[in-house]
């Protein structure tokens, strides 16, 4: 009986212990899912800023491939299907790593009057929202990130409504900055180093430059409103106008942790080129105007100084060398003095080794001969006729940039607005300033120009600019003028496929882009929704194809290729 009593005593004790422990556990917060109150605003904003660079990387790849700023393998339908890795990545990064994190940040930052944090987060949010619309059209917004409120499958909002919401975020960001005082907490600014600024001048200029982009993209559907909006921004004067105000992500040179430009890592760190530079891009820089663009040797680096001449090597490495010229080139060739490139830049004979747009033939063993990325913008090598292979630690060791919104971009946008909307700018002056700003940024990227022989000189730049401006003065229609503005903008935006993709759909410029190799396929007026959302969200149905246009694109179907 005594033994039974002891067992009962211990049983009751264990019940009491576990009851207490259970009660305490009920009050604890799951360490894997911390409450919003535990969020550190500085750490969170650091993460958001970094994720913006990741988002831009994925977005720029798809856009750049479509407009020949990067090499596209195969047709549009094959390259941009719903399993496209870049588009799936940008979608996930946008919603999970940027917009969701901003939703968590703003309440916490509001409680501590962290107006710098809030304003920056709103600007990043607006850029992300606008880019999602530019790429996909109608996207979830109102119901997005509402899982805690029972919305598991968010429906899409119209692209126009999301754009309007993005503009409101930009306006509110400027209000937040105006609320900064001596007690406002600082933050770690990964773009402008304005973490302690009382006025946030460069972030404010970036916000207003995004508003300029907002109005310009909408000019086809609302020219009056676009003109008024842009003129108001010009009157205010608080937009990006100098290279010191460029909004860019700057890479480092560290290997562990890895901070180098991603394209440098893919090419130089691997000591084995995996990408091609598009033949059309190199042709535009090297041959189209009859003289080299001063940026050519900064944008690209040649590993060889000549092409093979024996047929066996050509058959193995450049199998298209003896193929007939595609008939789809004829119409474009007839409009210009220098024919489009086909297969390679053989005419020069000096090793600009690339690949045609949408060439889906088997990849040859030519890695050690391909032209690759140069010093700008990825931090690689300057082409000084070295003609040797690349290796890790070459050039700037990956200290490149993602050029998200540069001063030259703003000048070219202002040129377009002046041409078509009659805004308070001179299209001629804006065109010239855009070119000169791009030249200054690119050529200054080389920190030790005295160590090289073939750097661009002031005379080289003047000759180039004067040639473009003479062509502009001789143009007899706005379409011709826009094609010149568009080509110069397209060249200047190397490293940014987002603005190139928007420019091409908005204006059709550059008008002589190299056709797809087979001359088939539908240019993506918007991209398909990624399978990461179509397969998991019953309220999002896949589009019928790539021909679906975003809300601001009312250009005719098929007017671009």
Protein backbone atom coordinates (compact mmCIF):
# COMPACT_ATOMS: atom_id res chain seq x y z
CA UNK A 1 0.00 0.00 0.00
CA UNK A 2 2.88 2.31 0.75
CA UNK A 3 4.39 1.62 -2.68
CA UNK A 4 1.09 2.45 -4.36
CA UNK A 5 0.86 5.72 -2.42
CA UNK A 6 4.37 6.72 -3.51
CA UNK A 7 3.54 5.96 -7.14
CA UNK A 8 0.42 8.06 -6.87
CA UNK A 9 2.44 10.89 -5.34
CA UNK A 10 4.97 10.88 -8.19
CA UNK A 11 2.24 10.61 -10.78
CA UNK A 12 0.48 13.67 -9.37
CA UNK A 13 3.80 15.49 -9.28
CA UNK A 14 4.53 14.75 -12.90
CA UNK A 15 1.06 15.91 -13.91
CA UNK A 16 1.61 19.21 -12.08
CA UNK A 17 5.04 19.69 -13.66
CA UNK A 18 3.87 19.03 -17.17
CA UNK A 19 0.80 21.16 -16.59
CA UNK A 20 3.03 24.06 -15.61
CA UNK A 21 5.37 23.46 -18.49
CA UNK A 22 2.52 23.29 -20.93
CA UNK A 23 1.16 26.58 -19.63
CA UNK A 24 4.56 28.22 -20.01
CA UNK A 25 5.02 26.83 -23.50
CA UNK A 26 1.67 28.22 -24.50
CA UNK A 27 2.97 31.66 -23.58
CA UNK A 28 6.27 31.35 -25.41
CA UNK A 29 6.84 32.63 -28.97
CA UNK A 30 8.00 30.13 -31.53
CA UNK A 31 11.66 31.11 -32.12
CA UNK A 32 11.26 30.16 -35.77
CA UNK A 33 8.37 32.58 -36.18
CA UNK A 34 9.22 35.66 -34.10
CA UNK A 35 6.57 38.28 -33.48
CA UNK A 36 6.71 41.53 -35.49
CA UNK A 37 7.71 43.35 -32.30
CA UNK A 38 11.00 41.44 -32.35
CA UNK A 39 11.91 42.73 -35.81
CA UNK A 40 15.02 44.90 -36.01
CA UNK A 41 14.34 47.72 -38.46
CA UNK A 42 17.98 48.13 -39.46
CA UNK A 43 18.55 44.46 -40.20
CA UNK A 44 15.26 44.22 -42.04
CA UNK A 45 15.97 47.25 -44.24
CA UNK A 46 19.46 45.93 -45.01
CA UNK A 47 17.84 42.75 -46.24
CA UNK A 48 15.27 44.62 -48.34
CA UNK A 49 17.95 46.75 -49.98
CA UNK A 50 19.98 43.67 -50.86
CA UNK A 51 16.93 41.87 -52.20
CA UNK A 52 16.21 44.80 -54.51
CA UNK A 53 19.55 44.08 -56.22
CA UNK A 54 18.58 40.41 -56.49
CA UNK A 55 15.20 41.35 -57.96
CA UNK A 56 16.84 43.68 -60.46
CA UNK A 57 19.33 41.01 -61.53
CA UNK A 58 16.55 38.58 -62.45
CA UNK A 59 14.42 41.25 -64.11
CA UNK A 60 17.25 42.70 -66.13
CA UNK A 61 18.24 39.31 -67.55
CA UNK A 62 14.85 38.64 -69.12
CA UNK A 63 14.42 42.18 -70.41
CA UNK A 64 17.97 42.38 -71.76
CA UNK A 65 17.65 39.09 -73.62
CA UNK A 66 14.43 40.23 -75.27
CA UNK A 67 16.00 43.46 -76.58
CA UNK A 68 19.42 42.04 -77.55
CA UNK A 69 21.41 43.59 -74.72
CA UNK A 70 22.17 40.03 -73.63
CA UNK A 71 22.27 36.85 -75.66
CA UNK A 72 19.00 34.94 -75.93
CA UNK A 73 19.14 31.21 -76.66
CA UNK A 74 16.25 29.89 -78.77
CA UNK A 75 12.91 31.46 -79.66
CA UNK A 76 10.82 33.67 -77.38
CA UNK A 77 8.30 30.89 -76.76
CA UNK A 78 11.00 28.49 -75.61
CA UNK A 79 13.11 31.04 -73.75
CA UNK A 80 10.29 32.80 -71.91
CA UNK A 81 7.96 29.97 -70.97
CA UNK A 82 6.39 29.81 -67.54
CA UNK A 83 9.33 27.90 -66.09
CA UNK A 84 11.76 30.70 -66.94
CA UNK A 85 14.13 30.81 -63.99
CA UNK A 86 14.73 34.56 -64.04
CA UNK A 87 11.04 35.44 -64.04
CA UNK A 88 10.24 32.87 -61.37
CA UNK A 89 13.07 34.27 -59.29
CA UNK A 90 12.00 37.89 -59.64
CA UNK A 91 8.38 37.02 -58.77
CA UNK A 92 9.38 35.15 -55.60
CA UNK A 93 11.91 37.78 -54.58
CA UNK A 94 9.37 40.55 -55.12
CA UNK A 95 6.59 39.10 -53.01
CA UNK A 96 8.40 37.03 -50.39
CA UNK A 97 11.61 38.98 -49.87
CA UNK A 98 10.71 42.59 -50.63
CA UNK A 99 7.00 43.38 -50.39
CA UNK A 100 6.36 41.01 -47.49
CA UNK A 101 9.36 42.32 -45.57
CA UNK A 102 8.26 45.90 -46.16
CA UNK A 103 4.81 45.07 -44.78
CA UNK A 104 6.52 43.84 -41.61
CA UNK A 105 8.94 46.77 -41.43
CA UNK A 106 6.65 49.76 -41.77
CA UNK A 107 4.57 49.23 -38.57
CA UNK A 108 7.70 48.67 -36.50
CA UNK A 109 9.48 51.64 -38.07
CA UNK A 110 6.39 53.80 -37.55
CA UNK A 111 6.37 53.01 -33.84
CA UNK A 112 9.92 54.33 -33.55
CA UNK A 113 9.38 57.27 -35.94
CA UNK A 114 12.03 55.82 -38.26
CA UNK A 115 11.02 57.98 -41.20
CA UNK A 116 14.20 57.29 -43.16
CA UNK A 117 13.50 53.56 -43.02
CA UNK A 118 9.88 54.03 -44.02
CA UNK A 119 10.58 56.36 -46.93
CA UNK A 120 13.29 54.15 -48.40
CA UNK A 121 11.10 51.07 -48.02
CA UNK A 122 8.24 52.81 -49.83
CA UNK A 123 10.49 53.78 -52.75
CA UNK A 124 11.78 50.22 -53.08
CA UNK A 125 8.19 48.99 -52.88
CA UNK A 126 7.11 51.36 -55.66
CA UNK A 127 9.97 50.31 -57.93
CA UNK A 128 9.16 46.65 -57.36
CA UNK A 129 5.43 47.14 -58.02
CA UNK A 130 6.01 49.10 -61.22
CA UNK A 131 8.46 46.52 -62.53
CA UNK A 132 6.06 43.66 -61.81
CA UNK A 133 3.40 45.45 -63.84
CA UNK A 134 5.86 46.26 -66.64
CA UNK A 135 6.78 42.59 -66.95
CA UNK A 136 3.56 40.73 -66.14
CA UNK A 137 0.67 43.20 -66.45
CA UNK A 138 -2.08 42.51 -63.91
CA UNK A 139 -0.57 41.24 -60.66
CA UNK A 140 -1.74 40.62 -57.07
CA UNK A 141 -1.58 43.71 -54.90
CA UNK A 142 -4.67 44.48 -52.80
CA UNK A 143 -5.06 40.86 -51.68
CA UNK A 144 -1.37 40.00 -51.74
CA UNK A 145 0.36 39.12 -48.47
CA UNK A 146 -2.99 38.79 -46.68
CA UNK A 147 -2.60 35.22 -45.51
CA UNK A 148 -3.12 36.25 -41.89
CA UNK A 149 -6.48 37.67 -42.95
CA UNK A 150 -7.56 34.46 -44.58
CA UNK A 151 -6.68 35.33 -48.20
CA UNK A 152 -4.65 32.36 -49.35
CA UNK A 153 -5.12 32.82 -53.08
CA UNK A 154 -4.85 36.53 -53.91
CA UNK A 155 -6.56 37.78 -57.04
CA UNK A 156 -4.81 40.15 -59.43
CA UNK A 157 -5.33 43.90 -59.60
CA UNK A 158 -5.21 45.73 -62.91
CA UNK A 159 -1.81 47.00 -63.89
CA UNK A 160 -3.17 50.54 -63.97
CA UNK A 161 -4.35 50.29 -60.37
CA UNK A 162 -1.01 48.90 -59.18
CA UNK A 163 0.80 51.72 -60.98
CA UNK A 164 -1.45 54.25 -59.25
CA UNK A 165 -0.69 52.66 -55.90
CA UNK A 166 3.04 52.80 -56.66
CA UNK A 167 2.81 56.53 -57.40
CA UNK A 168 1.06 57.02 -54.06
CA UNK A 169 3.91 55.18 -52.31
CA UNK A 170 6.43 57.54 -53.91
CA UNK A 171 4.45 60.58 -52.81
CA UNK A 172 4.17 59.22 -49.28
CA UNK A 173 7.90 58.48 -49.18
CA UNK A 174 8.64 62.15 -49.79
CA UNK A 175 6.22 63.04 -46.99
CA UNK A 176 8.07 60.62 -44.71
CA UNK A 177 11.40 62.26 -45.53
CA UNK A 178 9.92 65.66 -44.72
CA UNK A 179 9.15 64.36 -41.22
CA UNK A 180 12.81 63.63 -40.40
CA UNK A 181 14.16 65.52 -37.39
CA UNK A 182 17.09 65.29 -35.00
CA UNK A 183 15.56 62.27 -33.23
CA UNK A 184 14.94 60.19 -36.35
CA UNK A 185 16.96 56.95 -36.26
CA UNK A 186 19.63 56.46 -38.93
CA UNK A 187 20.04 53.38 -41.10
CA UNK A 188 22.72 51.61 -43.15
CA UNK A 189 22.26 53.01 -46.66
CA UNK A 190 23.57 50.49 -49.18
CA UNK A 191 22.94 52.74 -52.20
CA UNK A 192 23.58 56.40 -51.35
CA UNK A 193 25.23 56.51 -47.90
CA UNK A 194 22.51 58.88 -46.70
CA UNK A 195 21.72 56.96 -43.53
CA UNK A 196 22.14 60.09 -41.39
CA UNK A 197 20.83 62.67 -43.87
CA UNK A 198 18.16 65.08 -42.68
CA UNK A 199 16.83 65.64 -46.21
CA UNK A 200 17.60 62.39 -48.05
CA UNK A 201 18.38 64.37 -51.23
CA UNK A 202 19.42 61.51 -53.52
CA UNK A 203 16.69 59.12 -52.43
CA UNK A 204 14.23 61.97 -53.04
CA UNK A 205 15.64 62.51 -56.53
CA UNK A 206 15.39 58.80 -57.24
CA UNK A 207 11.75 58.83 -56.11
CA UNK A 208 10.97 61.75 -58.40
CA UNK A 209 12.83 60.11 -61.28
CA UNK A 210 10.63 57.05 -60.82
CA UNK A 211 7.65 59.38 -61.04
CA UNK A 212 9.07 60.67 -64.33
CA UNK A 213 9.30 57.08 -65.54
CA UNK A 214 5.70 56.50 -64.37
CA UNK A 215 4.41 59.38 -66.47
CA UNK A 216 6.54 58.52 -69.51
CA UNK A 217 5.36 54.92 -69.57
CA UNK A 218 1.78 56.21 -69.47
CA UNK A 219 2.23 58.77 -72.24
CA UNK A 220 0.65 56.51 -74.87
CA UNK A 221 -2.63 56.26 -72.97
CA UNK A 222 -2.69 59.67 -71.27
CA UNK A 223 -0.44 62.17 -73.08
CA UNK A 224 -2.01 65.20 -71.41
CA UNK A 225 -1.61 63.82 -67.90
CA UNK A 226 1.90 62.60 -68.67
CA UNK A 227 2.98 66.01 -69.95
CA UNK A 228 1.53 67.78 -66.92
CA UNK A 229 3.16 65.34 -64.52
CA UNK A 230 6.57 65.59 -66.17
CA UNK A 231 6.45 69.38 -66.39
CA UNK A 232 5.64 69.54 -62.68
CA UNK A 233 8.71 67.41 -61.97
CA UNK A 234 10.87 69.61 -64.19
CA UNK A 235 9.60 72.71 -62.41
CA UNK A 236 10.40 71.14 -59.06
CA UNK A 237 13.89 70.33 -60.29
CA UNK A 238 14.39 67.54 -57.74
CA UNK A 239 15.27 64.70 -60.14
CA UNK A 240 18.50 62.88 -60.97
CA UNK A 241 20.76 65.14 -63.05
CA UNK A 242 24.32 64.14 -62.09
CA UNK A 243 26.31 60.93 -61.84
CA UNK A 244 26.69 61.43 -58.08
CA UNK A 245 22.92 60.92 -57.88
CA UNK A 246 22.84 57.66 -59.88
CA UNK A 247 20.81 54.93 -58.25
CA UNK A 248 22.96 51.83 -58.56
CA UNK A 249 23.92 48.73 -56.65
CA UNK A 250 27.68 48.59 -56.15
CA UNK A 251 29.44 45.24 -55.97
CA UNK A 252 32.61 44.56 -54.01
CA UNK A 253 35.69 42.41 -54.51
CA UNK A 254 35.30 39.99 -51.61
CA UNK A 255 35.21 36.27 -52.33
CA UNK A 256 34.16 35.09 -48.87
CA UNK A 257 31.55 36.33 -48.41
CA UNK A 258 30.94 36.68 -52.15
CA UNK A 259 30.30 40.33 -53.03
CA UNK A 260 31.52 40.48 -56.63
CA UNK A 261 29.26 41.33 -59.54
CA UNK A 262 27.30 38.17 -60.43
CA UNK A 263 28.35 38.29 -64.09
CA UNK A 264 31.98 38.59 -63.06
CA UNK A 265 31.58 35.49 -60.89
CA UNK A 266 29.97 33.57 -63.76
CA UNK A 267 32.68 34.50 -66.24
CA UNK A 268 35.95 35.60 -64.64
CA UNK A 269 35.85 33.68 -61.38
CA UNK A 270 35.04 30.56 -63.36
CA UNK A 271 37.88 31.47 -65.79
CA UNK A 272 35.59 30.08 -68.47
CA UNK A 273 33.03 32.18 -70.32
CA UNK A 274 29.54 30.78 -70.19
CA UNK A 275 27.76 33.67 -71.87
CA UNK A 276 27.93 35.22 -75.31
CA UNK A 277 27.84 38.93 -76.06
CA UNK A 278 25.16 39.48 -78.74
CA UNK A 279 26.56 40.09 -82.21
CA UNK A 280 24.05 42.88 -82.66
CA UNK A 281 25.30 44.77 -79.59
CA UNK A 282 28.92 44.55 -80.72
CA UNK A 283 27.95 45.54 -84.26
CA UNK A 284 26.06 48.58 -82.94
CA UNK A 285 29.15 49.63 -81.00
CA UNK A 286 31.81 48.72 -83.54
CA UNK A 287 30.35 49.08 -87.03
CA UNK A 288 26.91 50.60 -87.32
CA UNK A 289 28.04 54.25 -87.36
CA UNK A 290 31.18 53.64 -89.40
CA UNK A 291 33.45 54.23 -86.40
CA UNK A 292 33.88 52.63 -83.01
CA UNK A 293 31.75 53.82 -80.12
CA UNK A 294 34.17 55.05 -77.42
CA UNK A 295 32.43 52.69 -74.96
CA UNK A 296 33.14 49.53 -76.97
CA UNK A 297 36.34 48.57 -75.14
CA UNK A 298 34.77 49.27 -71.76
CA UNK A 299 31.64 47.20 -72.42
CA UNK A 300 33.34 44.16 -73.95
CA UNK A 301 36.58 42.24 -73.66
CA UNK A 302 37.99 40.06 -76.47
CA UNK A 303 39.88 36.89 -75.61
CA UNK A 304 41.20 36.54 -79.16
CA UNK A 305 42.29 39.06 -81.75
CA UNK A 306 41.21 37.21 -84.90
CA UNK A 307 38.81 34.64 -86.29
CA UNK A 308 39.90 31.24 -87.58
CA UNK A 309 40.37 30.97 -91.32
CA UNK A 310 40.41 27.22 -91.95
CA UNK A 311 37.08 25.64 -92.75
CA UNK A 312 37.44 22.75 -90.32
CA UNK A 313 37.80 25.08 -87.34
CA UNK A 314 35.01 27.32 -88.60
CA UNK A 315 32.69 24.33 -89.01
CA UNK A 316 33.45 23.27 -85.46
CA UNK A 317 33.33 26.65 -83.72
CA UNK A 318 31.19 28.97 -85.89
CA UNK A 319 29.04 26.52 -87.79
CA UNK A 320 26.85 29.21 -89.36
CA UNK A 321 29.82 30.84 -91.16
CA UNK A 322 28.77 29.57 -94.58
CA UNK A 323 24.99 29.66 -94.12
CA UNK A 324 22.86 31.86 -96.38
CA UNK A 325 21.87 35.24 -94.98
CA UNK A 326 18.33 35.12 -93.52
CA UNK A 327 15.68 36.72 -95.69
CA UNK A 328 14.25 38.48 -92.64
CA UNK A 329 17.25 40.81 -92.65
CA UNK A 330 16.53 42.28 -96.07
CA UNK A 331 14.00 44.92 -95.05
CA UNK A 332 16.24 46.31 -92.31
CA UNK A 333 19.39 46.15 -94.44
CA UNK A 334 17.65 48.21 -97.11
CA UNK A 335 17.12 51.08 -94.67
CA UNK A 336 20.72 51.53 -93.54
CA UNK A 337 24.20 51.81 -95.04
CA UNK A 338 25.77 49.08 -92.90
CA UNK A 339 24.08 45.63 -93.09
CA UNK A 340 23.07 43.86 -89.92
CA UNK A 341 25.55 41.34 -88.56
CA UNK A 342 24.98 37.70 -89.33
CA UNK A 343 26.73 34.77 -87.65
CA UNK A 344 29.72 36.85 -86.53
CA UNK A 345 31.56 40.11 -87.09
CA UNK A 346 33.82 38.55 -89.74
CA UNK A 347 34.19 41.80 -91.62
CA UNK A 348 36.32 43.26 -88.88
CA UNK A 349 38.41 40.15 -88.45
CA UNK A 350 39.57 41.20 -84.99
CA UNK A 351 37.91 38.70 -82.70
CA UNK A 352 34.59 40.20 -81.61
CA UNK A 353 33.27 36.71 -81.10
CA UNK A 354 29.57 36.60 -80.27
CA UNK A 355 26.35 34.89 -81.25
CA UNK A 356 23.18 35.91 -83.08
CA UNK A 357 19.93 36.62 -81.30
CA UNK A 358 17.93 33.42 -80.64
CA UNK A 359 20.52 31.13 -82.24
CA UNK A 360 19.59 27.75 -80.79
CA UNK A 361 22.19 25.63 -82.52
CA UNK A 362 24.43 23.44 -80.40
CA UNK A 363 27.00 25.28 -78.32
CA UNK A 364 30.51 24.79 -79.75
CA UNK A 365 33.76 24.44 -77.76
CA UNK A 366 34.57 28.14 -78.08
CA UNK A 367 34.57 29.24 -74.43
CA UNK A 368 38.18 30.44 -74.57
CA UNK A 369 37.47 32.60 -77.63
CA UNK A 370 34.18 34.29 -76.80
CA UNK A 371 34.07 38.01 -76.21
CA UNK A 372 32.91 38.61 -72.65
CA UNK A 373 31.85 41.40 -70.33
CA UNK A 374 34.35 44.22 -69.95
CA UNK A 375 35.16 46.69 -67.23
CA UNK A 376 31.71 48.35 -67.32
CA UNK A 377 29.40 47.52 -65.67
CA UNK A 378 30.59 44.18 -64.25
CA UNK A 379 34.09 45.13 -63.11
CA UNK A 380 35.97 42.99 -65.63
CA UNK A 381 38.87 43.80 -67.95
CA UNK A 382 39.37 46.78 -70.22
CA UNK A 383 40.07 45.70 -73.80
CA UNK A 384 43.51 47.06 -74.66
CA UNK A 385 44.14 44.59 -77.50
CA UNK A 386 45.57 42.04 -75.05
CA UNK A 387 43.67 39.18 -76.71
CA UNK A 388 44.27 36.67 -73.94
CA UNK A 389 42.04 34.59 -71.72
CA UNK A 390 40.26 35.79 -68.61
CA UNK A 391 40.96 34.66 -65.09
CA UNK A 392 39.87 35.25 -61.54
CA UNK A 393 41.02 38.63 -60.15
CA UNK A 394 41.30 40.18 -63.65
CA UNK A 395 40.29 43.77 -64.19
CA UNK A 396 38.42 45.41 -61.34
CA UNK A 397 37.95 42.02 -59.67
CA UNK A 398 34.20 42.25 -59.92
CA UNK A 399 33.75 45.73 -58.45
CA UNK A 400 30.93 46.53 -60.83
CA UNK A 401 27.42 47.94 -60.58
CA UNK A 402 23.81 47.28 -61.43
CA UNK A 403 22.84 50.56 -63.18
CA UNK A 404 19.24 50.87 -62.02
CA UNK A 405 18.55 54.58 -62.66
CA UNK A 406 21.45 56.61 -64.02
CA UNK A 407 21.53 60.31 -64.84
CA UNK A 408 21.90 59.48 -68.54
CA UNK A 409 18.66 57.44 -68.37
CA UNK A 410 16.79 60.45 -67.03
CA UNK A 411 18.14 62.70 -69.79
CA UNK A 412 17.07 60.25 -72.49
CA UNK A 413 13.60 59.95 -70.94
CA UNK A 414 13.37 63.73 -70.93
CA UNK A 415 14.37 63.80 -74.60
CA UNK A 416 11.55 61.40 -75.47
CA UNK A 417 9.06 63.40 -73.42
CA UNK A 418 10.10 66.66 -75.08
CA UNK A 419 9.80 65.10 -78.54
CA UNK A 420 6.35 63.57 -78.11
CA UNK A 421 4.74 65.54 -75.29
CA UNK A 422 6.21 69.01 -75.81
CA UNK A 423 7.46 69.21 -72.25
CA UNK A 424 9.62 72.08 -71.01
CA UNK A 425 12.87 70.59 -72.30
CA UNK A 426 14.81 70.62 -75.54
CA UNK A 427 14.87 67.14 -77.03
CA UNK A 428 18.14 68.01 -78.77
CA UNK A 429 19.82 69.21 -75.59
CA UNK A 430 18.58 66.23 -73.58
CA UNK A 431 19.82 63.79 -76.22
CA UNK A 432 23.30 65.28 -76.21
CA UNK A 433 23.46 65.45 -72.42
CA UNK A 434 22.33 61.84 -72.18
CA UNK A 435 25.14 60.67 -74.44
CA UNK A 436 27.78 62.76 -72.68
CA UNK A 437 26.61 61.63 -69.24
CA UNK A 438 26.82 58.00 -70.31
CA UNK A 439 30.29 58.50 -71.75
CA UNK A 440 31.50 60.17 -68.55
CA UNK A 441 30.15 57.38 -66.34
CA UNK A 442 31.55 54.57 -68.47
CA UNK A 443 35.00 56.03 -69.11
CA UNK A 444 35.45 57.06 -65.47
CA UNK A 445 34.87 53.44 -64.45
CA UNK A 446 38.48 52.68 -65.31
CA UNK A 447 40.46 53.90 -62.26
CA UNK A 448 43.88 53.92 -63.93
CA UNK A 449 43.41 55.02 -67.57
CA UNK A 450 47.06 56.04 -67.84
CA UNK A 451 48.03 52.37 -67.76
CA UNK A 452 46.24 51.67 -71.05
CA UNK A 453 46.77 52.65 -74.66
CA UNK A 454 43.28 52.51 -76.18
CA UNK A 455 41.20 54.51 -73.71
CA UNK A 456 38.59 56.90 -75.04
CA UNK A 457 39.76 60.49 -75.35
CA UNK A 458 37.78 63.71 -75.14
CA UNK A 459 38.26 64.06 -78.90
CA UNK A 460 36.84 60.55 -79.46
CA UNK A 461 33.77 61.41 -77.45
CA UNK A 462 33.26 64.75 -79.20
CA UNK A 463 33.54 63.11 -82.60
CA UNK A 464 30.94 60.51 -81.63
CA UNK A 465 28.55 63.04 -80.14
CA UNK A 466 28.87 65.40 -83.08
CA UNK A 467 28.09 62.56 -85.47
CA UNK A 468 24.94 61.58 -83.60
CA UNK A 469 23.77 65.17 -83.31
CA UNK A 470 24.34 65.75 -87.03
CA UNK A 471 22.17 62.71 -87.78
CA UNK A 472 19.52 64.03 -85.40
CA UNK A 473 19.50 67.42 -87.09
CA UNK A 474 19.08 65.74 -90.47
CA UNK A 475 16.13 63.59 -89.34
CA UNK A 476 12.88 64.53 -91.06
CA UNK A 477 10.29 62.88 -88.82
CA UNK A 478 9.66 62.27 -85.15
CA UNK A 479 9.93 58.54 -85.83
CA UNK A 480 13.47 59.02 -87.15
CA UNK A 481 14.34 61.27 -84.22
CA UNK A 482 12.97 58.76 -81.71
CA UNK A 483 14.97 56.01 -83.34
CA UNK A 484 18.15 58.00 -82.73
CA UNK A 485 17.19 58.82 -79.15
CA UNK A 486 16.21 55.21 -78.59
CA UNK A 487 19.42 53.75 -80.00
CA UNK A 488 21.56 56.04 -77.84
CA UNK A 489 19.45 55.27 -74.77
CA UNK A 490 19.68 51.55 -75.54
CA UNK A 491 23.47 51.71 -75.76
CA UNK A 492 23.76 53.76 -72.57
CA UNK A 493 21.60 51.36 -70.56
CA UNK A 494 23.98 48.40 -71.00
CA UNK A 495 23.54 46.40 -67.83
CA UNK A 496 19.87 47.35 -67.44
CA UNK A 497 17.34 45.24 -69.27
CA UNK A 498 14.35 46.68 -67.41
CA UNK A 499 14.44 50.08 -69.08
CA UNK A 500 15.41 48.56 -72.43
CA UNK A 501 12.35 46.30 -72.36
CA UNK A 502 10.09 49.24 -71.53
CA UNK A 503 11.70 51.51 -74.14
CA UNK A 504 11.28 49.01 -76.96
CA UNK A 505 7.59 48.35 -76.28
CA UNK A 506 6.85 52.04 -75.71
CA UNK A 507 8.63 53.40 -78.78
CA UNK A 508 9.72 50.56 -81.07
CA UNK A 509 13.28 51.85 -80.80
CA UNK A 510 15.89 50.81 -81.71
CA UNK A 511 14.02 50.05 -84.92
CA UNK A 512 16.70 47.87 -86.48
CA UNK A 513 17.14 45.19 -83.82
CA UNK A 514 18.47 41.94 -85.24
CA UNK A 515 15.52 39.61 -85.99
CA UNK A 516 15.31 36.20 -84.38
CA UNK A 517 17.48 33.78 -86.30
CA UNK A 518 14.54 31.87 -87.76
CA UNK A 519 12.35 34.94 -88.06
CA UNK A 520 9.60 33.31 -86.03
CA UNK A 521 7.95 33.76 -82.68
CA UNK A 522 6.01 36.44 -80.84
CA UNK A 523 7.94 39.17 -79.07
CA UNK A 524 6.91 39.13 -75.38
CA UNK A 525 4.72 42.20 -74.96
CA UNK A 526 4.48 40.87 -71.41
CA UNK A 527 5.87 37.74 -69.83
CA UNK A 528 3.89 34.68 -68.81
CA UNK A 529 3.08 34.33 -65.14
CA UNK A 530 5.71 32.06 -63.53
CA UNK A 531 4.65 28.55 -62.69
CA UNK A 532 5.48 29.26 -59.04
CA UNK A 533 2.25 31.26 -58.89
CA UNK A 534 0.02 29.73 -61.59
CA UNK A 535 0.43 26.23 -60.18
CA UNK A 536 -0.33 27.36 -56.61
CA UNK A 537 -2.89 30.13 -56.92
CA UNK A 538 -6.35 29.18 -58.15
CA UNK A 539 -7.17 32.86 -58.77
CA UNK A 540 -4.42 33.36 -61.36
CA UNK A 541 -4.94 31.88 -64.79
CA UNK A 542 -2.12 31.70 -67.29
CA UNK A 543 -2.19 34.14 -70.20
CA UNK A 544 -2.94 32.84 -73.69
CA UNK A 545 0.56 33.76 -74.82
CA UNK A 546 3.31 36.37 -75.00
CA UNK A 547 1.26 38.81 -77.11
CA UNK A 548 -0.76 40.11 -74.14
CA UNK A 549 0.09 43.80 -73.70
CA UNK A 550 0.49 45.68 -70.41
CA UNK A 551 -1.96 48.49 -69.71
CA UNK A 552 0.25 51.35 -70.90
CA UNK A 553 1.26 49.67 -74.16
CA UNK A 554 -1.37 50.49 -76.77
CA UNK A 555 0.95 50.17 -79.76
CA UNK A 556 -0.30 47.92 -82.57
CA UNK A 557 0.09 44.19 -82.28
CA UNK A 558 3.22 42.96 -84.01
CA UNK A 559 4.89 46.35 -84.39
CA UNK A 560 8.05 45.04 -82.74
CA UNK A 561 9.93 41.79 -83.34
